[in-house]
Amino acid sequence: MKKDKTFCDLSKEYIAKHLDEIITLIDKPKFICRKCARVANESTHLCKPVKLKNK
């Protein structure tokens, strides 16, 4: 994934072309974005990350 981009910044075309890579970045989410509710394994992929609480 582009290092200077968050999931919020990605175009639909980029997502379609890189879906397999993106799936590996969200398969065990630990963070959620307060802006768009996307999830990710690492906070760096989100623009306004909040750590998910463990159950």
C-alpha atoms as a PDB file:
ATOM      1  CA  MET A   1       0.000   0.000   0.000  1.00  0.00           C
ATOM      2  CA  LYS A   2       1.118   3.565  -0.560  1.00  0.00           C
ATOM      3  CA  LYS A   3       3.056   4.555   2.561  1.00  0.00           C
ATOM      4  CA  ASP A   4       1.792   8.135   2.719  1.00  0.00           C
ATOM      5  CA  LYS A   5      -1.875   7.185   2.249  1.00  0.00           C
ATOM      6  CA  THR A   6      -4.513   5.964   4.673  1.00  0.00           C
ATOM      7  CA  PHE A   7      -7.440   3.741   3.720  1.00  0.00           C
ATOM      8  CA  CYS A   8      -9.606   6.872   3.624  1.00  0.00           C
ATOM      9  CA  ASP A   9      -7.429   8.305   0.835  1.00  0.00           C
ATOM     10  CA  LEU A  10      -7.465   5.291  -1.486  1.00  0.00           C
ATOM     11  CA  SER A  11      -9.469   5.378  -4.688  1.00  0.00           C
ATOM     12  CA  LYS A  12     -11.884   2.624  -5.651  1.00  0.00           C
ATOM     13  CA  GLU A  13      -9.587   1.712  -8.536  1.00  0.00           C
ATOM     14  CA  TYR A  14      -6.562   1.348  -6.240  1.00  0.00           C
ATOM     15  CA  ILE A  15      -8.566  -0.793  -3.827  1.00  0.00           C
ATOM     16  CA  ALA A  16      -9.750  -3.059  -6.642  1.00  0.00           C
ATOM     17  CA  LYS A  17      -6.200  -3.549  -7.964  1.00  0.00           C
ATOM     18  CA  HIS A  18      -4.640  -4.167  -4.532  1.00  0.00           C
ATOM     19  CA  LEU A  19      -7.418  -6.000  -2.715  1.00  0.00           C
ATOM     20  CA  ASP A  20      -5.305  -9.023  -1.714  1.00  0.00           C
ATOM     21  CA  GLU A  21      -2.689  -6.756  -0.107  1.00  0.00           C
ATOM     22  CA  ILE A  22      -5.343  -4.703   1.690  1.00  0.00           C
ATOM     23  CA  ILE A  23      -6.998  -7.831   3.080  1.00  0.00           C
ATOM     24  CA  THR A  24      -3.752  -8.761   4.838  1.00  0.00           C
ATOM     25  CA  LEU A  25      -3.721  -5.284   6.452  1.00  0.00           C
ATOM     26  CA  ILE A  26      -7.216  -5.697   7.910  1.00  0.00           C
ATOM     27  CA  ASP A  27      -7.467  -9.421   8.703  1.00  0.00           C
ATOM     28  CA  LYS A  28      -6.854  -8.954  12.465  1.00  0.00           C
ATOM     29  CA  PRO A  29      -8.121  -5.438  13.172  1.00  0.00           C
ATOM     30  CA  LYS A  30      -6.871  -3.665  16.283  1.00  0.00           C
ATOM     31  CA  PHE A  31      -7.911  -0.123  15.313  1.00  0.00           C
ATOM     32  CA  ILE A  32     -11.003   1.625  13.962  1.00  0.00           C
ATOM     33  CA  CYS A  33     -11.151   5.047  12.276  1.00  0.00           C
ATOM     34  CA  ARG A  34     -13.303   7.657  14.023  1.00  0.00           C
ATOM     35  CA  LYS A  35     -13.884   9.380  10.655  1.00  0.00           C
ATOM     36  CA  CYS A  36     -15.035   6.544   8.390  1.00  0.00           C
ATOM     37  CA  ALA A  37     -15.308   3.430  10.623  1.00  0.00           C
ATOM     38  CA  ARG A  38     -12.768   1.464   8.573  1.00  0.00           C
ATOM     39  CA  VAL A  39     -10.644  -1.029  10.519  1.00  0.00           C
ATOM     40  CA  ALA A  40      -6.971  -2.013  10.285  1.00  0.00           C
ATOM     41  CA  ASN A  41      -4.302  -4.085  11.993  1.00  0.00           C
ATOM     42  CA  GLU A  42      -2.056  -1.009  12.440  1.00  0.00           C
ATOM     43  CA  SER A  43      -3.022   2.562  13.300  1.00  0.00           C
ATOM     44  CA  THR A  44      -0.860   4.013  10.511  1.00  0.00           C
ATOM     45  CA  HIS A  45      -3.398   2.896   7.892  1.00  0.00           C
ATOM     46  CA  LEU A  46      -6.192   5.046   9.354  1.00  0.00           C
ATOM     47  CA  CYS A  47      -6.570   8.839   9.497  1.00  0.00           C
ATOM     48  CA  LYS A  48      -8.176   9.011  12.986  1.00  0.00           C
ATOM     49  CA  PRO A  49      -7.382   5.676  14.655  1.00  0.00           C
ATOM     50  CA  VAL A  50      -8.811   4.491  17.956  1.00  0.00           C
ATOM     51  CA  LYS A  51      -7.678   1.241  19.550  1.00  0.00           C
ATOM     52  CA  LEU A  52     -10.394  -1.410  19.685  1.00  0.00           C
ATOM     53  CA  LYS A  53     -11.114  -2.754  23.132  1.00  0.00           C
ATOM     54  CA  ASN A  54     -10.280  -6.423  23.747  1.00  0.00           C
ATOM     55  CA  LYS A  55     -13.153  -8.651  24.711  1.00  0.00           C
END
